Amino acid sequence: MPSKYPPPAPQNRQAPASGSAPVKTLRLGRIKAAIWENNSDQRTFYNVTFARTYMDEAKQFHDTDSFGRDDLLLLGKLADQAHTFVCDRLAGQRSEEQS
């Protein structure tokens, strides 16, 4: 059965310069959120990247940052989950610093 969305051009996704893996990857169906931890001199901060996984005609998996109408609610739910994870992580770090 053909997909209702044509496959977008493959994206060359690269991890942050440090080459590390995300601290957490959340997934709902074919949509995923990768949460990255970054450290500066003063503090730790987090960034989140979102991707949609698809399979091409050669049965190879790829990620894209293009989302269709039916992906948007899942994207919003993942954004909410990522926000909760980051807030909990920062709260845990603050409590460790105060101990």
C-alpha atoms as a PDB file:
ATOM      1  CA  MET A   1       0.000   0.000   0.000  1.00  0.00           C
ATOM      2  CA  PRO A   2       1.528   3.341  -0.976  1.00  0.00           C
ATOM      3  CA  SER A   3       2.140   5.912   1.691  1.00  0.00           C
ATOM      4  CA  LYS A   4      -0.124   8.938   1.754  1.00  0.00           C
ATOM      5  CA  TYR A   5       2.974  11.119   2.121  1.00  0.00           C
ATOM      6  CA  PRO A   6       5.836  10.952  -0.339  1.00  0.00           C
ATOM      7  CA  PRO A   7       9.137  10.225   1.374  1.00  0.00           C
ATOM      8  CA  PRO A   8      11.126  13.404   1.934  1.00  0.00           C
ATOM      9  CA  ALA A   9      14.737  13.676   0.967  1.00  0.00           C
ATOM     10  CA  PRO A  10      16.937  11.850   3.491  1.00  0.00           C
ATOM     11  CA  GLN A  11      18.445  14.105   6.122  1.00  0.00           C
ATOM     12  CA  ASN A  12      22.035  13.759   7.237  1.00  0.00           C
ATOM     13  CA  ARG A  13      21.462  13.769  10.967  1.00  0.00           C
ATOM     14  CA  GLN A  14      24.503  14.105  13.111  1.00  0.00           C
ATOM     15  CA  ALA A  15      24.914  13.900  16.829  1.00  0.00           C
ATOM     16  CA  PRO A  16      26.201  17.003  18.604  1.00  0.00           C
ATOM     17  CA  ALA A  17      29.894  17.696  18.222  1.00  0.00           C
ATOM     18  CA  SER A  18      30.707  15.761  21.388  1.00  0.00           C
ATOM     19  CA  GLY A  19      29.655  12.556  19.611  1.00  0.00           C
ATOM     20  CA  SER A  20      27.670  11.395  22.597  1.00  0.00           C
ATOM     21  CA  ALA A  21      24.291   9.695  22.532  1.00  0.00           C
ATOM     22  CA  PRO A  22      21.112  11.369  23.730  1.00  0.00           C
ATOM     23  CA  VAL A  23      20.407  11.044  27.456  1.00  0.00           C
ATOM     24  CA  LYS A  24      16.885   9.905  26.602  1.00  0.00           C
ATOM     25  CA  THR A  25      14.963   8.971  23.468  1.00  0.00           C
ATOM     26  CA  LEU A  26      11.180   9.064  23.611  1.00  0.00           C
ATOM     27  CA  ARG A  27       9.088   7.432  20.912  1.00  0.00           C
ATOM     28  CA  LEU A  28       5.429   7.374  19.922  1.00  0.00           C
ATOM     29  CA  GLY A  29       4.958   5.258  16.826  1.00  0.00           C
ATOM     30  CA  ARG A  30       7.236   6.557  14.095  1.00  0.00           C
ATOM     31  CA  ILE A  31       7.879   9.914  15.806  1.00  0.00           C
ATOM     32  CA  LYS A  32      10.795  10.254  18.232  1.00  0.00           C
ATOM     33  CA  ALA A  33      12.321  12.897  20.456  1.00  0.00           C
ATOM     34  CA  ALA A  34      16.003  12.743  21.370  1.00  0.00           C
ATOM     35  CA  ILE A  35      16.997  14.702  24.480  1.00  0.00           C
ATOM     36  CA  TRP A  36      20.588  15.937  24.508  1.00  0.00           C
ATOM     37  CA  GLU A  37      22.484  17.104  27.585  1.00  0.00           C
ATOM     38  CA  ASN A  38      24.971  19.936  27.123  1.00  0.00           C
ATOM     39  CA  ASN A  39      27.368  21.331  29.678  1.00  0.00           C
ATOM     40  CA  SER A  40      28.748  24.831  29.816  1.00  0.00           C
ATOM     41  CA  ASP A  41      30.989  26.423  32.426  1.00  0.00           C
ATOM     42  CA  GLN A  42      28.055  27.700  34.451  1.00  0.00           C
ATOM     43  CA  ARG A  43      25.321  25.104  33.985  1.00  0.00           C
ATOM     44  CA  THR A  44      23.855  22.048  32.299  1.00  0.00           C
ATOM     45  CA  PHE A  45      21.179  22.595  29.681  1.00  0.00           C
ATOM     46  CA  TYR A  46      19.135  20.390  27.373  1.00  0.00           C
ATOM     47  CA  ASN A  47      18.090  20.437  23.731  1.00  0.00           C
ATOM     48  CA  VAL A  48      15.528  18.230  22.026  1.00  0.00           C
ATOM     49  CA  THR A  49      15.467  17.076  18.418  1.00  0.00           C
ATOM     50  CA  PHE A  50      12.416  15.539  16.783  1.00  0.00           C
ATOM     51  CA  ALA A  51      12.377  13.103  13.880  1.00  0.00           C
ATOM     52  CA  ARG A  52       9.991  10.910  11.929  1.00  0.00           C
ATOM     53  CA  THR A  53      11.255   7.502  10.836  1.00  0.00           C
ATOM     54  CA  TYR A  54      10.277   6.139   7.429  1.00  0.00           C
ATOM     55  CA  MET A  55      11.307   3.237   5.202  1.00  0.00           C
ATOM     56  CA  ASP A  56      12.316   3.798   1.597  1.00  0.00           C
ATOM     57  CA  GLU A  57      11.696   1.474  -1.360  1.00  0.00           C
ATOM     58  CA  ALA A  58      14.968  -0.358  -0.628  1.00  0.00           C
ATOM     59  CA  LYS A  59      13.658  -1.203   2.873  1.00  0.00           C
ATOM     60  CA  GLN A  60      16.180   1.129   4.514  1.00  0.00           C
ATOM     61  CA  PHE A  61      15.137   3.233   7.503  1.00  0.00           C
ATOM     62  CA  HIS A  62      15.719   6.986   7.464  1.00  0.00           C
ATOM     63  CA  ASP A  63      14.858   9.928   9.697  1.00  0.00           C
ATOM     64  CA  THR A  64      13.438  13.233   8.568  1.00  0.00           C
ATOM     65  CA  ASP A  65      12.447  16.424  10.317  1.00  0.00           C
ATOM     66  CA  SER A  66       9.392  16.816   8.085  1.00  0.00           C
ATOM     67  CA  PHE A  67       6.020  16.038   9.667  1.00  0.00           C
ATOM     68  CA  GLY A  68       2.576  15.559   8.169  1.00  0.00           C
ATOM     69  CA  ARG A  69      -0.801  16.553   9.544  1.00  0.00           C
ATOM     70  CA  ASP A  70      -1.303  13.190  11.247  1.00  0.00           C
ATOM     71  CA  ASP A  71       2.067  13.483  13.016  1.00  0.00           C
ATOM     72  CA  LEU A  72       1.410  16.793  14.734  1.00  0.00           C
ATOM     73  CA  LEU A  73      -0.545  15.555  17.759  1.00  0.00           C
ATOM     74  CA  LEU A  74       2.097  12.897  18.451  1.00  0.00           C
ATOM     75  CA  LEU A  75       4.767  15.557  18.061  1.00  0.00           C
ATOM     76  CA  GLY A  76       2.979  17.712  20.646  1.00  0.00           C
ATOM     77  CA  LYS A  77       2.664  14.798  23.067  1.00  0.00           C
ATOM     78  CA  LEU A  78       6.351  13.999  22.695  1.00  0.00           C
ATOM     79  CA  ALA A  79       7.230  17.660  23.266  1.00  0.00           C
ATOM     80  CA  ASP A  80       5.216  17.545  26.501  1.00  0.00           C
ATOM     81  CA  GLN A  81       6.959  14.337  27.626  1.00  0.00           C
ATOM     82  CA  ALA A  82      10.377  15.799  26.761  1.00  0.00           C
ATOM     83  CA  HIS A  83       9.560  18.953  28.735  1.00  0.00           C
ATOM     84  CA  THR A  84       8.582  16.870  31.767  1.00  0.00           C
ATOM     85  CA  PHE A  85      11.770  14.790  31.514  1.00  0.00           C
ATOM     86  CA  VAL A  86      13.995  17.884  31.289  1.00  0.00           C
ATOM     87  CA  CYS A  87      12.225  19.630  34.193  1.00  0.00           C
ATOM     88  CA  ASP A  88      12.540  16.521  36.380  1.00  0.00           C
ATOM     89  CA  ARG A  89      16.200  16.142  35.467  1.00  0.00           C
ATOM     90  CA  LEU A  90      16.973  19.785  36.275  1.00  0.00           C
ATOM     91  CA  ALA A  91      15.074  19.556  39.574  1.00  0.00           C
ATOM     92  CA  GLY A  92      17.102  16.463  40.499  1.00  0.00           C
ATOM     93  CA  GLN A  93      20.350  18.266  39.698  1.00  0.00           C
ATOM     94  CA  ARG A  94      19.342  21.250  41.828  1.00  0.00           C
ATOM     95  CA  SER A  95      18.505  19.025  44.776  1.00  0.00           C
ATOM     96  CA  GLU A  96      21.888  17.275  44.454  1.00  0.00           C
ATOM     97  CA  GLU A  97      23.676  20.641  44.453  1.00  0.00           C
ATOM     98  CA  GLN A  98      21.865  21.708  47.629  1.00  0.00           C
ATOM     99  CA  SER A  99      22.704  18.459  49.451  1.00  0.00           C
END
